[in-house]
N, C-alpha and C. Protein backbone atom coordinates (compact mmCIF):
# COMPACT_ATOMS: atom_id res chain seq x y z
N MET A 1 -275.05 -97.38 5.11
CA MET A 1 -275.42 -97.38 3.71
C MET A 1 -274.17 -97.19 2.86
N PHE A 2 -274.13 -97.88 1.75
CA PHE A 2 -273.00 -97.84 0.81
C PHE A 2 -272.96 -96.50 0.09
N SER A 3 -271.77 -95.91 0.02
CA SER A 3 -271.59 -94.64 -0.68
C SER A 3 -270.65 -94.86 -1.86
N SER A 4 -271.15 -94.59 -3.07
CA SER A 4 -270.29 -94.79 -4.25
C SER A 4 -269.14 -93.79 -4.27
N LYS A 5 -269.35 -92.59 -3.75
CA LYS A 5 -268.27 -91.61 -3.67
C LYS A 5 -267.14 -92.15 -2.81
N ARG A 6 -267.49 -92.66 -1.64
CA ARG A 6 -266.51 -93.23 -0.72
C ARG A 6 -265.80 -94.42 -1.36
N PHE A 7 -266.56 -95.28 -2.01
CA PHE A 7 -266.00 -96.46 -2.64
C PHE A 7 -264.93 -96.07 -3.67
N PHE A 8 -265.25 -95.17 -4.56
CA PHE A 8 -264.32 -94.82 -5.63
C PHE A 8 -263.09 -94.06 -5.11
N ILE A 9 -263.28 -93.22 -4.12
CA ILE A 9 -262.14 -92.50 -3.55
C ILE A 9 -261.20 -93.47 -2.85
N ALA A 10 -261.74 -94.34 -2.02
CA ALA A 10 -260.90 -95.31 -1.28
C ALA A 10 -260.22 -96.27 -2.26
N LEU A 11 -260.94 -96.72 -3.27
CA LEU A 11 -260.36 -97.61 -4.27
C LEU A 11 -259.22 -96.92 -5.02
N LEU A 12 -259.42 -95.68 -5.41
CA LEU A 12 -258.39 -94.93 -6.12
C LEU A 12 -257.14 -94.76 -5.26
N PHE A 13 -257.32 -94.40 -3.99
CA PHE A 13 -256.16 -94.23 -3.12
C PHE A 13 -255.49 -95.57 -2.81
N GLY A 14 -256.25 -96.65 -2.74
CA GLY A 14 -255.65 -97.97 -2.60
C GLY A 14 -254.76 -98.28 -3.79
N LEU A 15 -255.24 -97.98 -4.99
CA LEU A 15 -254.44 -98.20 -6.21
C LEU A 15 -253.19 -97.32 -6.21
N ILE A 16 -253.34 -96.07 -5.86
CA ILE A 16 -252.19 -95.15 -5.80
C ILE A 16 -251.16 -95.65 -4.81
N PHE A 17 -251.61 -96.04 -3.61
CA PHE A 17 -250.67 -96.54 -2.61
C PHE A 17 -250.09 -97.89 -3.01
N GLY A 18 -250.79 -98.65 -3.84
CA GLY A 18 -250.23 -99.88 -4.39
C GLY A 18 -248.99 -99.57 -5.23
N PHE A 19 -249.10 -98.55 -6.07
CA PHE A 19 -247.95 -98.16 -6.89
C PHE A 19 -246.83 -97.55 -6.04
N VAL A 20 -247.21 -96.81 -5.02
CA VAL A 20 -246.20 -96.25 -4.10
C VAL A 20 -245.46 -97.39 -3.40
N CYS A 21 -246.21 -98.36 -2.90
CA CYS A 21 -245.63 -99.49 -2.20
C CYS A 21 -244.70 -100.28 -3.14
N TRP A 22 -245.12 -100.49 -4.36
CA TRP A 22 -244.28 -101.17 -5.35
C TRP A 22 -243.00 -100.39 -5.58
N GLY A 23 -243.12 -99.08 -5.74
CA GLY A 23 -241.94 -98.25 -5.95
C GLY A 23 -240.97 -98.33 -4.78
N LEU A 24 -241.50 -98.32 -3.58
CA LEU A 24 -240.63 -98.43 -2.40
C LEU A 24 -239.98 -99.81 -2.31
N ALA A 25 -240.75 -100.85 -2.64
CA ALA A 25 -240.21 -102.21 -2.58
C ALA A 25 -239.12 -102.43 -3.63
N ALA A 26 -239.23 -101.75 -4.75
CA ALA A 26 -238.27 -101.94 -5.84
C ALA A 26 -237.20 -100.85 -5.86
N SER A 27 -237.11 -100.06 -4.81
CA SER A 27 -236.18 -98.93 -4.82
C SER A 27 -234.71 -99.36 -4.78
N LYS A 28 -234.41 -100.48 -4.15
CA LYS A 28 -233.02 -100.94 -4.07
C LYS A 28 -232.70 -101.96 -5.16
N ASN A 29 -233.59 -102.89 -5.36
CA ASN A 29 -233.41 -103.94 -6.36
C ASN A 29 -234.72 -104.15 -7.10
N PRO A 30 -234.65 -104.47 -8.38
CA PRO A 30 -235.89 -104.78 -9.09
C PRO A 30 -236.56 -106.01 -8.47
N ILE A 31 -237.87 -106.04 -8.53
CA ILE A 31 -238.60 -107.18 -7.99
C ILE A 31 -239.31 -107.87 -9.15
N PRO A 32 -239.60 -109.17 -9.01
CA PRO A 32 -240.31 -109.89 -10.07
C PRO A 32 -241.67 -109.26 -10.35
N SER A 33 -242.09 -109.33 -11.60
CA SER A 33 -243.35 -108.69 -11.98
C SER A 33 -244.54 -109.29 -11.24
N ALA A 34 -244.51 -110.59 -10.95
CA ALA A 34 -245.61 -111.21 -10.20
C ALA A 34 -245.72 -110.59 -8.81
N LEU A 35 -244.60 -110.30 -8.18
CA LEU A 35 -244.62 -109.67 -6.86
C LEU A 35 -245.13 -108.23 -6.97
N ALA A 36 -244.71 -107.52 -8.01
CA ALA A 36 -245.19 -106.14 -8.20
C ALA A 36 -246.71 -106.11 -8.36
N ILE A 37 -247.23 -107.03 -9.16
CA ILE A 37 -248.69 -107.10 -9.36
C ILE A 37 -249.38 -107.46 -8.05
N SER A 38 -248.80 -108.38 -7.30
CA SER A 38 -249.37 -108.77 -6.01
C SER A 38 -249.43 -107.59 -5.04
N ILE A 39 -248.38 -106.80 -5.01
CA ILE A 39 -248.34 -105.62 -4.12
C ILE A 39 -249.43 -104.63 -4.52
N ILE A 40 -249.53 -104.34 -5.79
CA ILE A 40 -250.53 -103.37 -6.28
C ILE A 40 -251.94 -103.87 -5.99
N ILE A 41 -252.20 -105.14 -6.27
CA ILE A 41 -253.54 -105.70 -6.03
C ILE A 41 -253.86 -105.70 -4.53
N SER A 42 -252.89 -106.04 -3.70
CA SER A 42 -253.10 -106.08 -2.26
C SER A 42 -253.52 -104.72 -1.72
N ARG A 43 -252.81 -103.69 -2.09
CA ARG A 43 -253.14 -102.34 -1.60
C ARG A 43 -254.45 -101.83 -2.21
N THR A 44 -254.72 -102.19 -3.46
CA THR A 44 -255.99 -101.80 -4.08
C THR A 44 -257.14 -102.50 -3.38
N LEU A 45 -256.96 -103.77 -3.05
CA LEU A 45 -257.99 -104.51 -2.32
C LEU A 45 -258.25 -103.88 -0.95
N MET A 46 -257.18 -103.39 -0.32
CA MET A 46 -257.34 -102.70 0.95
C MET A 46 -258.25 -101.48 0.77
N GLY A 47 -258.00 -100.70 -0.26
CA GLY A 47 -258.85 -99.54 -0.54
C GLY A 47 -260.29 -99.95 -0.83
N PHE A 48 -260.45 -101.03 -1.58
CA PHE A 48 -261.78 -101.55 -1.89
C PHE A 48 -262.55 -101.87 -0.61
N VAL A 49 -261.91 -102.60 0.30
CA VAL A 49 -262.59 -103.00 1.54
C VAL A 49 -262.90 -101.79 2.41
N ILE A 50 -261.97 -100.86 2.49
CA ILE A 50 -262.24 -99.64 3.25
C ILE A 50 -263.44 -98.91 2.64
N GLY A 51 -263.52 -98.89 1.32
CA GLY A 51 -264.61 -98.19 0.64
C GLY A 51 -265.97 -98.83 0.82
N VAL A 52 -266.02 -100.15 0.94
CA VAL A 52 -267.32 -100.83 1.04
C VAL A 52 -267.70 -101.22 2.47
N SER A 53 -266.75 -101.13 3.39
CA SER A 53 -267.02 -101.54 4.76
C SER A 53 -268.08 -100.65 5.41
N VAL A 54 -268.96 -101.29 6.17
CA VAL A 54 -269.99 -100.55 6.89
C VAL A 54 -269.80 -100.64 8.40
N LEU A 55 -268.58 -101.02 8.82
CA LEU A 55 -268.29 -101.06 10.25
C LEU A 55 -268.40 -99.66 10.83
N LYS A 56 -268.97 -99.56 11.99
CA LYS A 56 -269.18 -98.26 12.63
C LYS A 56 -268.08 -97.98 13.65
N TRP A 57 -266.87 -97.86 13.15
CA TRP A 57 -265.70 -97.57 13.98
C TRP A 57 -265.23 -96.16 13.68
N ASN A 58 -264.38 -95.63 14.55
CA ASN A 58 -263.72 -94.36 14.24
C ASN A 58 -262.92 -94.56 12.95
N TRP A 59 -262.86 -93.53 12.11
CA TRP A 59 -262.21 -93.68 10.80
C TRP A 59 -260.76 -94.13 10.93
N TRP A 60 -260.04 -93.60 11.91
CA TRP A 60 -258.62 -93.93 12.03
C TRP A 60 -258.41 -95.38 12.46
N LEU A 61 -259.27 -95.88 13.37
CA LEU A 61 -259.18 -97.27 13.81
C LEU A 61 -259.55 -98.21 12.67
N HIS A 62 -260.55 -97.83 11.92
CA HIS A 62 -261.01 -98.61 10.77
C HIS A 62 -259.86 -98.78 9.77
N GLY A 63 -259.18 -97.70 9.45
CA GLY A 63 -258.06 -97.76 8.50
C GLY A 63 -256.90 -98.58 9.03
N ILE A 64 -256.59 -98.42 10.29
CA ILE A 64 -255.47 -99.16 10.89
C ILE A 64 -255.75 -100.66 10.90
N VAL A 65 -256.94 -101.05 11.33
CA VAL A 65 -257.27 -102.48 11.44
C VAL A 65 -257.31 -103.13 10.06
N ILE A 66 -257.98 -102.50 9.12
CA ILE A 66 -258.04 -103.08 7.77
C ILE A 66 -256.66 -103.08 7.13
N GLY A 67 -255.89 -102.03 7.35
CA GLY A 67 -254.53 -102.00 6.82
C GLY A 67 -253.68 -103.14 7.36
N ALA A 68 -253.77 -103.41 8.65
CA ALA A 68 -253.01 -104.50 9.26
C ALA A 68 -253.49 -105.86 8.74
N LEU A 69 -254.80 -106.07 8.73
CA LEU A 69 -255.33 -107.36 8.29
C LEU A 69 -254.98 -107.67 6.85
N PHE A 70 -255.12 -106.67 5.97
CA PHE A 70 -254.86 -106.92 4.56
C PHE A 70 -253.38 -106.93 4.21
N SER A 71 -252.53 -106.69 5.19
CA SER A 71 -251.08 -106.78 4.99
C SER A 71 -250.52 -108.10 5.47
N LEU A 72 -251.30 -108.85 6.22
CA LEU A 72 -250.81 -110.13 6.74
C LEU A 72 -250.37 -111.09 5.63
N PRO A 73 -251.16 -111.31 4.58
CA PRO A 73 -250.69 -112.24 3.54
C PRO A 73 -249.36 -111.81 2.92
N MET A 74 -249.21 -110.52 2.63
CA MET A 74 -247.97 -110.03 2.06
C MET A 74 -246.82 -110.19 3.05
N GLY A 75 -247.09 -109.95 4.32
CA GLY A 75 -246.07 -110.11 5.35
C GLY A 75 -245.62 -111.55 5.48
N PHE A 76 -246.56 -112.49 5.48
CA PHE A 76 -246.18 -113.90 5.58
C PHE A 76 -245.41 -114.36 4.34
N ASN A 77 -245.80 -113.85 3.17
CA ASN A 77 -245.05 -114.17 1.96
C ASN A 77 -243.63 -113.62 2.04
N GLY A 78 -243.48 -112.46 2.64
CA GLY A 78 -242.16 -111.87 2.79
C GLY A 78 -241.23 -112.71 3.64
N MET A 79 -241.82 -113.50 4.53
CA MET A 79 -240.99 -114.36 5.37
C MET A 79 -240.34 -115.49 4.58
N LEU A 80 -240.76 -115.70 3.35
CA LEU A 80 -240.15 -116.72 2.50
C LEU A 80 -238.85 -116.23 1.87
N ALA A 81 -238.54 -114.96 2.02
CA ALA A 81 -237.30 -114.42 1.46
C ALA A 81 -236.10 -115.11 2.10
N PRO A 82 -235.02 -115.31 1.31
CA PRO A 82 -233.85 -116.00 1.86
C PRO A 82 -233.23 -115.28 3.06
N THR A 83 -233.30 -113.97 3.09
CA THR A 83 -232.77 -113.22 4.23
C THR A 83 -233.76 -112.12 4.60
N GLY A 84 -233.77 -111.76 5.87
CA GLY A 84 -234.59 -110.65 6.33
C GLY A 84 -236.07 -110.92 6.39
N GLY A 85 -236.47 -112.18 6.57
CA GLY A 85 -237.89 -112.53 6.56
C GLY A 85 -238.72 -111.79 7.59
N TRP A 86 -238.25 -111.73 8.83
CA TRP A 86 -239.01 -111.03 9.87
C TRP A 86 -239.05 -109.52 9.62
N SER A 87 -237.98 -108.99 9.10
CA SER A 87 -237.96 -107.55 8.78
C SER A 87 -238.98 -107.23 7.70
N ILE A 88 -239.05 -108.08 6.70
CA ILE A 88 -240.02 -107.88 5.62
C ILE A 88 -241.43 -108.04 6.17
N PHE A 89 -241.63 -109.03 7.04
CA PHE A 89 -242.95 -109.24 7.64
C PHE A 89 -243.42 -107.97 8.35
N TRP A 90 -242.60 -107.47 9.27
CA TRP A 90 -243.00 -106.31 10.07
C TRP A 90 -243.10 -105.04 9.23
N ALA A 91 -242.22 -104.89 8.24
CA ALA A 91 -242.31 -103.72 7.36
C ALA A 91 -243.61 -103.74 6.58
N SER A 92 -244.03 -104.92 6.12
CA SER A 92 -245.29 -105.05 5.37
C SER A 92 -246.48 -104.68 6.25
N ILE A 93 -246.48 -105.16 7.48
CA ILE A 93 -247.60 -104.88 8.39
C ILE A 93 -247.63 -103.39 8.75
N ILE A 94 -246.48 -102.84 9.10
CA ILE A 94 -246.43 -101.43 9.50
C ILE A 94 -246.83 -100.52 8.34
N MET A 95 -246.31 -100.82 7.16
CA MET A 95 -246.67 -99.98 6.01
C MET A 95 -248.14 -100.16 5.65
N GLY A 96 -248.68 -101.35 5.84
CA GLY A 96 -250.12 -101.56 5.61
C GLY A 96 -250.96 -100.73 6.56
N ILE A 97 -250.52 -100.65 7.82
CA ILE A 97 -251.21 -99.81 8.79
C ILE A 97 -251.16 -98.34 8.35
N VAL A 98 -250.00 -97.92 7.88
CA VAL A 98 -249.84 -96.53 7.42
C VAL A 98 -250.73 -96.28 6.20
N TYR A 99 -250.71 -97.19 5.22
CA TYR A 99 -251.54 -97.01 4.02
C TYR A 99 -253.02 -97.03 4.38
N GLY A 100 -253.45 -97.94 5.25
CA GLY A 100 -254.85 -97.99 5.65
C GLY A 100 -255.28 -96.71 6.34
N PHE A 101 -254.43 -96.21 7.23
CA PHE A 101 -254.70 -94.94 7.91
C PHE A 101 -254.81 -93.80 6.89
N LEU A 102 -253.87 -93.74 5.95
CA LEU A 102 -253.87 -92.66 4.95
C LEU A 102 -255.08 -92.74 4.02
N ILE A 103 -255.44 -93.95 3.62
CA ILE A 103 -256.63 -94.10 2.76
C ILE A 103 -257.85 -93.58 3.49
N GLU A 104 -258.01 -93.96 4.75
CA GLU A 104 -259.15 -93.47 5.53
C GLU A 104 -259.08 -91.97 5.75
N LEU A 105 -257.91 -91.46 6.06
CA LEU A 105 -257.74 -90.02 6.28
C LEU A 105 -258.16 -89.24 5.03
N LEU A 106 -257.64 -89.64 3.90
CA LEU A 106 -257.95 -88.94 2.65
C LEU A 106 -259.41 -89.10 2.27
N THR A 107 -259.95 -90.30 2.43
CA THR A 107 -261.33 -90.57 2.04
C THR A 107 -262.32 -89.88 2.97
N THR A 108 -262.15 -90.07 4.28
CA THR A 108 -263.13 -89.61 5.26
C THR A 108 -262.95 -88.15 5.65
N VAL A 109 -261.71 -87.73 5.89
CA VAL A 109 -261.46 -86.38 6.40
C VAL A 109 -261.27 -85.37 5.26
N VAL A 110 -260.38 -85.68 4.34
CA VAL A 110 -260.07 -84.71 3.28
C VAL A 110 -261.24 -84.60 2.28
N PHE A 111 -261.72 -85.75 1.76
CA PHE A 111 -262.78 -85.72 0.75
C PHE A 111 -264.17 -85.84 1.36
N LYS A 112 -264.25 -85.95 2.68
CA LYS A 112 -265.52 -85.96 3.42
C LYS A 112 -266.52 -87.02 2.90
N ALA A 113 -265.98 -88.19 2.54
CA ALA A 113 -266.81 -89.30 2.12
C ALA A 113 -266.92 -90.26 3.28
N LYS A 114 -267.81 -89.95 4.20
CA LYS A 114 -267.95 -90.73 5.42
C LYS A 114 -268.63 -92.06 5.13
N ALA A 115 -268.35 -93.04 5.98
CA ALA A 115 -268.91 -94.38 5.79
C ALA A 115 -270.41 -94.40 6.06
N HIS A 116 -270.89 -93.54 6.94
CA HIS A 116 -272.30 -93.57 7.35
C HIS A 116 -272.93 -92.20 7.11
N GLU A 117 -273.37 -92.00 5.90
CA GLU A 117 -273.98 -90.70 5.57
C GLU A 117 -275.48 -90.83 5.48
């Protein structure tokens, strides 16, 4: 069953991690605004899906899988960079796994908004 508490908490943490991800991506060099918006939307969408998903998986596996899946488009786009394409790809996927795990941890464990209440 859908939980609005879970939805809003996961969505909020997705948005927060979107800004964190943008800050980390722009820490060495400024990035184009379209890329910044894409990063924020991607991580927010990850939180959205975690919040509405009704998959009956362990919370940590759920966060890891959704984090990895929703980082693939950003990772493939990173491969278009003139240098370091594979590094950007893997960094995007790994950080997506970390963000997905953290969104689930905060939503399910800390705020006790379980997917199946």
